[in-house]
Amino acid sequence: MAKTRISISLEQEQAERVRAHAERAGMDVSAYLVHAATRQMAETDAIEEQFAGVDALIAAAEAEAAELPPEPDVAPEELTEQERQEVAEALGLVRGTDRAGVRPGEAA
């Protein structure tokens, strides 16, 4: 198989680090960079494959939502207490807070 040359530009410090890592790995710089890129591509492919089903579900839900008629505007005072509570809980889920209104990592 014919090889193709790809030229890259690095800051001097980056180039020195790449050379040092390649040397420690017992590889020349080209082989080291090809190995690193190949590993990264395999990891990306595996992640994309793992989440392909979820991505498809999200795309389908977004397409379905785009065709829904807009919800009528409702003033908060028009909602029952139960409806206000449900809205607050849903917004908490969207914002990443638990039912007590605490974000993960924050003190209660």
N, C-alpha and C. Protein backbone atom coordinates (compact mmCIF):
# COMPACT_ATOMS: atom_id res chain seq x y z
N MET A 1 0.85 -1.17 0.00
CA MET A 1 0.00 0.00 0.00
C MET A 1 0.90 1.24 0.00
N ALA A 2 0.57 2.19 -0.85
CA ALA A 2 1.35 3.43 -0.94
C ALA A 2 1.11 4.29 0.28
N LYS A 3 2.14 4.94 0.74
CA LYS A 3 2.03 5.81 1.90
C LYS A 3 1.78 7.24 1.45
N THR A 4 1.11 7.99 2.28
CA THR A 4 0.81 9.40 2.02
C THR A 4 1.46 10.22 3.12
N ARG A 5 2.08 11.29 2.74
CA ARG A 5 2.72 12.17 3.71
C ARG A 5 1.71 13.22 4.15
N ILE A 6 1.65 13.44 5.47
CA ILE A 6 0.82 14.49 6.05
C ILE A 6 1.75 15.37 6.86
N SER A 7 1.67 16.64 6.63
CA SER A 7 2.52 17.59 7.34
C SER A 7 1.70 18.23 8.47
N ILE A 8 2.30 18.32 9.65
CA ILE A 8 1.63 18.99 10.76
C ILE A 8 2.58 20.04 11.33
N SER A 9 2.02 21.02 11.98
CA SER A 9 2.81 22.07 12.62
C SER A 9 2.53 22.02 14.12
N LEU A 10 3.60 22.09 14.89
CA LEU A 10 3.49 22.05 16.35
C LEU A 10 4.30 23.18 16.95
N GLU A 11 3.90 23.59 18.13
CA GLU A 11 4.74 24.48 18.91
C GLU A 11 5.98 23.69 19.29
N GLN A 12 7.08 24.37 19.50
CA GLN A 12 8.34 23.70 19.82
C GLN A 12 8.20 22.79 21.03
N GLU A 13 7.54 23.28 22.07
CA GLU A 13 7.37 22.48 23.29
C GLU A 13 6.57 21.21 23.01
N GLN A 14 5.51 21.32 22.20
CA GLN A 14 4.71 20.15 21.84
C GLN A 14 5.56 19.15 21.07
N ALA A 15 6.34 19.64 20.12
CA ALA A 15 7.18 18.76 19.31
C ALA A 15 8.18 18.02 20.18
N GLU A 16 8.78 18.71 21.13
CA GLU A 16 9.74 18.06 22.02
C GLU A 16 9.07 16.99 22.87
N ARG A 17 7.88 17.27 23.34
CA ARG A 17 7.15 16.27 24.13
C ARG A 17 6.81 15.04 23.29
N VAL A 18 6.36 15.28 22.06
CA VAL A 18 6.03 14.16 21.16
C VAL A 18 7.28 13.32 20.92
N ARG A 19 8.38 13.98 20.61
CA ARG A 19 9.64 13.24 20.38
C ARG A 19 10.03 12.42 21.61
N ALA A 20 9.92 13.02 22.78
CA ALA A 20 10.29 12.32 24.02
C ALA A 20 9.38 11.11 24.25
N HIS A 21 8.10 11.28 24.04
CA HIS A 21 7.16 10.17 24.24
C HIS A 21 7.41 9.07 23.20
N ALA A 22 7.66 9.46 21.98
CA ALA A 22 7.94 8.48 20.93
C ALA A 22 9.20 7.69 21.28
N GLU A 23 10.21 8.38 21.74
CA GLU A 23 11.47 7.72 22.11
C GLU A 23 11.24 6.73 23.25
N ARG A 24 10.49 7.16 24.27
CA ARG A 24 10.19 6.25 25.39
C ARG A 24 9.42 5.03 24.94
N ALA A 25 8.58 5.20 23.93
CA ALA A 25 7.79 4.08 23.40
C ALA A 25 8.59 3.24 22.42
N GLY A 26 9.82 3.66 22.12
CA GLY A 26 10.65 2.91 21.18
C GLY A 26 10.18 3.05 19.74
N MET A 27 9.60 4.19 19.42
CA MET A 27 9.07 4.41 18.07
C MET A 27 9.64 5.70 17.50
N ASP A 28 9.61 5.79 16.16
CA ASP A 28 9.95 7.09 15.59
C ASP A 28 8.69 7.97 15.69
N VAL A 29 8.86 9.25 15.47
CA VAL A 29 7.76 10.19 15.65
C VAL A 29 6.57 9.85 14.75
N SER A 30 6.83 9.51 13.50
CA SER A 30 5.73 9.18 12.58
C SER A 30 4.92 7.99 13.08
N ALA A 31 5.62 6.93 13.46
CA ALA A 31 4.92 5.73 13.95
C ALA A 31 4.14 6.04 15.22
N TYR A 32 4.76 6.84 16.09
CA TYR A 32 4.10 7.21 17.35
C TYR A 32 2.81 7.99 17.09
N LEU A 33 2.88 8.98 16.20
CA LEU A 33 1.69 9.77 15.90
C LEU A 33 0.61 8.95 15.21
N VAL A 34 1.02 8.06 14.30
CA VAL A 34 0.04 7.19 13.65
C VAL A 34 -0.62 6.28 14.68
N HIS A 35 0.18 5.73 15.58
CA HIS A 35 -0.36 4.87 16.64
C HIS A 35 -1.35 5.64 17.52
N ALA A 36 -0.96 6.86 17.93
CA ALA A 36 -1.83 7.67 18.79
C ALA A 36 -3.13 8.03 18.06
N ALA A 37 -3.02 8.42 16.81
CA ALA A 37 -4.21 8.78 16.04
C ALA A 37 -5.11 7.57 15.83
N THR A 38 -4.51 6.42 15.54
CA THR A 38 -5.29 5.20 15.32
C THR A 38 -6.04 4.80 16.59
N ARG A 39 -5.37 4.90 17.73
CA ARG A 39 -6.04 4.61 19.01
C ARG A 39 -7.21 5.56 19.23
N GLN A 40 -6.98 6.85 18.98
CA GLN A 40 -8.04 7.83 19.18
C GLN A 40 -9.22 7.57 18.26
N MET A 41 -8.94 7.22 17.01
CA MET A 41 -10.02 6.93 16.06
C MET A 41 -10.81 5.70 16.49
N ALA A 42 -10.12 4.67 16.96
CA ALA A 42 -10.80 3.46 17.41
C ALA A 42 -11.69 3.77 18.62
N GLU A 43 -11.18 4.59 19.53
CA GLU A 43 -11.97 4.97 20.71
C GLU A 43 -13.21 5.76 20.29
N THR A 44 -13.03 6.71 19.39
CA THR A 44 -14.16 7.52 18.91
C THR A 44 -15.18 6.65 18.20
N ASP A 45 -14.72 5.74 17.35
CA ASP A 45 -15.64 4.83 16.65
C ASP A 45 -16.43 3.98 17.63
N ALA A 46 -15.76 3.47 18.68
CA ALA A 46 -16.43 2.63 19.67
C ALA A 46 -17.48 3.43 20.44
N ILE A 47 -17.16 4.67 20.80
CA ILE A 47 -18.11 5.52 21.52
C ILE A 47 -19.31 5.83 20.63
N GLU A 48 -19.05 6.19 19.38
CA GLU A 48 -20.15 6.50 18.46
C GLU A 48 -21.04 5.29 18.25
N GLU A 49 -20.44 4.11 18.16
CA GLU A 49 -21.22 2.88 17.98
C GLU A 49 -22.06 2.60 19.22
N GLN A 50 -21.46 2.80 20.39
CA GLN A 50 -22.17 2.53 21.64
C GLN A 50 -23.38 3.45 21.80
N PHE A 51 -23.26 4.70 21.36
CA PHE A 51 -24.33 5.66 21.55
C PHE A 51 -25.20 5.87 20.31
N ALA A 52 -24.98 5.09 19.27
CA ALA A 52 -25.75 5.26 18.03
C ALA A 52 -27.25 5.10 18.27
N GLY A 53 -27.63 4.14 19.07
CA GLY A 53 -29.05 3.93 19.36
C GLY A 53 -29.66 5.11 20.09
N VAL A 54 -28.93 5.63 21.08
CA VAL A 54 -29.42 6.78 21.83
C VAL A 54 -29.51 8.00 20.92
N ASP A 55 -28.49 8.20 20.09
CA ASP A 55 -28.50 9.32 19.15
C ASP A 55 -29.69 9.24 18.21
N ALA A 56 -30.01 8.03 17.75
CA ALA A 56 -31.16 7.84 16.85
C ALA A 56 -32.47 8.16 17.57
N LEU A 57 -32.59 7.75 18.82
CA LEU A 57 -33.79 8.05 19.60
C LEU A 57 -33.95 9.56 19.80
N ILE A 58 -32.85 10.21 20.11
CA ILE A 58 -32.89 11.66 20.30
C ILE A 58 -33.30 12.36 19.01
N ALA A 59 -32.71 11.95 17.89
CA ALA A 59 -33.05 12.56 16.60
C ALA A 59 -34.52 12.35 16.27
N ALA A 60 -35.04 11.16 16.53
CA ALA A 60 -36.45 10.87 16.26
C ALA A 60 -37.35 11.71 17.16
N ALA A 61 -36.99 11.83 18.44
CA ALA A 61 -37.79 12.63 19.37
C ALA A 61 -37.77 14.10 18.97
N GLU A 62 -36.61 14.60 18.55
CA GLU A 62 -36.52 15.99 18.12
C GLU A 62 -37.36 16.23 16.87
N ALA A 63 -37.32 15.29 15.93
CA ALA A 63 -38.12 15.43 14.71
C ALA A 63 -39.61 15.42 15.04
N GLU A 64 -39.99 14.53 15.95
CA GLU A 64 -41.40 14.44 16.35
C GLU A 64 -41.82 15.72 17.07
N ALA A 65 -40.96 16.23 17.95
CA ALA A 65 -41.28 17.44 18.70
C ALA A 65 -41.40 18.65 17.78
N ALA A 66 -40.61 18.68 16.72
CA ALA A 66 -40.65 19.81 15.79
C ALA A 66 -41.99 19.91 15.07
N GLU A 67 -42.70 18.79 14.97
CA GLU A 67 -43.99 18.78 14.27
C GLU A 67 -45.17 19.02 15.20
N LEU A 68 -44.93 19.08 16.50
CA LEU A 68 -46.02 19.32 17.45
C LEU A 68 -46.45 20.78 17.40
N PRO A 69 -47.73 21.03 17.61
CA PRO A 69 -48.17 22.43 17.67
C PRO A 69 -47.61 23.07 18.95
N PRO A 70 -47.41 24.38 18.92
CA PRO A 70 -46.89 25.02 20.13
C PRO A 70 -47.89 24.94 21.28
N GLU A 71 -47.36 24.82 22.46
CA GLU A 71 -48.21 24.79 23.65
C GLU A 71 -48.71 26.21 23.91
N PRO A 72 -49.94 26.32 24.37
CA PRO A 72 -50.44 27.67 24.69
C PRO A 72 -49.70 28.22 25.92
N ASP A 73 -49.48 29.52 25.93
CA ASP A 73 -48.86 30.14 27.08
C ASP A 73 -49.83 30.10 28.25
N VAL A 74 -49.34 29.70 29.41
CA VAL A 74 -50.16 29.63 30.60
C VAL A 74 -49.42 30.40 31.69
N ALA A 75 -50.09 31.33 32.29
CA ALA A 75 -49.49 32.10 33.38
C ALA A 75 -49.40 31.20 34.62
N PRO A 76 -48.34 31.35 35.41
CA PRO A 76 -48.19 30.51 36.60
C PRO A 76 -49.42 30.52 37.52
N GLU A 77 -50.08 31.67 37.60
CA GLU A 77 -51.25 31.74 38.50
C GLU A 77 -52.43 30.92 37.98
N GLU A 78 -52.38 30.51 36.71
CA GLU A 78 -53.45 29.68 36.15
C GLU A 78 -53.26 28.21 36.47
N LEU A 79 -52.09 27.85 36.98
CA LEU A 79 -51.80 26.46 37.31
C LEU A 79 -52.26 26.12 38.71
N THR A 80 -52.61 24.84 38.89
CA THR A 80 -52.92 24.39 40.24
C THR A 80 -51.62 24.22 41.00
N GLU A 81 -51.72 24.09 42.29
CA GLU A 81 -50.51 23.87 43.10
C GLU A 81 -49.79 22.60 42.66
N GLN A 82 -50.55 21.55 42.35
CA GLN A 82 -49.97 20.29 41.88
C GLN A 82 -49.22 20.50 40.55
N GLU A 83 -49.81 21.25 39.64
CA GLU A 83 -49.17 21.52 38.35
C GLU A 83 -47.89 22.34 38.53
N ARG A 84 -47.93 23.34 39.44
CA ARG A 84 -46.72 24.12 39.72
C ARG A 84 -45.61 23.24 40.27
N GLN A 85 -45.97 22.31 41.15
CA GLN A 85 -45.01 21.38 41.73
C GLN A 85 -44.40 20.50 40.64
N GLU A 86 -45.24 20.00 39.74
CA GLU A 86 -44.75 19.16 38.64
C GLU A 86 -43.81 19.94 37.72
N VAL A 87 -44.13 21.18 37.43
CA VAL A 87 -43.27 22.02 36.60
C VAL A 87 -41.94 22.23 37.29
N ALA A 88 -41.97 22.53 38.59
CA ALA A 88 -40.73 22.76 39.35
C ALA A 88 -39.86 21.51 39.34
N GLU A 89 -40.46 20.35 39.51
CA GLU A 89 -39.69 19.09 39.49
C GLU A 89 -39.10 18.83 38.11
N ALA A 90 -39.87 19.07 37.06
CA ALA A 90 -39.37 18.86 35.69
C ALA A 90 -38.21 19.81 35.40
N LEU A 91 -38.34 21.07 35.80
CA LEU A 91 -37.25 22.02 35.59
C LEU A 91 -36.02 21.63 36.40
N GLY A 92 -36.23 21.08 37.59
CA GLY A 92 -35.11 20.60 38.38
C GLY A 92 -34.36 19.49 37.68
N LEU A 93 -35.09 18.60 37.03
CA LEU A 93 -34.44 17.52 36.28
C LEU A 93 -33.65 18.09 35.11
N VAL A 94 -34.22 19.07 34.42
CA VAL A 94 -33.54 19.68 33.29
C VAL A 94 -32.28 20.41 33.75
N ARG A 95 -32.38 21.09 34.87
CA ARG A 95 -31.24 21.87 35.38
C ARG A 95 -30.24 21.02 36.14
N GLY A 96 -30.58 19.77 36.41
CA GLY A 96 -29.65 18.89 37.10
C GLY A 96 -29.74 18.94 38.61
N THR A 97 -30.88 19.36 39.14
CA THR A 97 -31.05 19.35 40.59
C THR A 97 -31.89 18.15 40.99
N ASP A 98 -31.73 17.72 42.24
CA ASP A 98 -32.54 16.60 42.71
C ASP A 98 -33.89 17.13 43.22
N ARG A 99 -34.70 16.26 43.79
CA ARG A 99 -36.05 16.67 44.22
C ARG A 99 -36.01 17.71 45.34
N ALA A 100 -34.90 17.76 46.08
CA ALA A 100 -34.78 18.76 47.14
C ALA A 100 -34.24 20.09 46.58
N GLY A 101 -33.99 20.15 45.26
CA GLY A 101 -33.50 21.37 44.66
C GLY A 101 -32.01 21.56 44.77
N VAL A 102 -31.28 20.49 45.10
CA VAL A 102 -29.83 20.59 45.28
C VAL A 102 -29.14 20.05 44.05
N ARG A 103 -28.19 20.84 43.53
CA ARG A 103 -27.40 20.38 42.38
C ARG A 103 -26.35 19.40 42.88
N PRO A 104 -26.02 18.38 42.08
CA PRO A 104 -24.97 17.43 42.49
C PRO A 104 -23.69 18.18 42.83
N GLY A 105 -23.08 17.80 43.95
CA GLY A 105 -21.83 18.43 44.36
C GLY A 105 -22.01 19.63 45.26
N GLU A 106 -23.25 20.11 45.43
CA GLU A 106 -23.51 21.24 46.30
C GLU A 106 -24.02 20.73 47.65
N ALA A 107 -23.73 21.48 48.68
CA ALA A 107 -24.23 21.12 50.00
C ALA A 107 -25.71 21.41 50.09
N ALA A 108 -26.41 20.57 50.81
CA ALA A 108 -27.86 20.75 50.97
C ALA A 108 -28.18 21.91 51.89
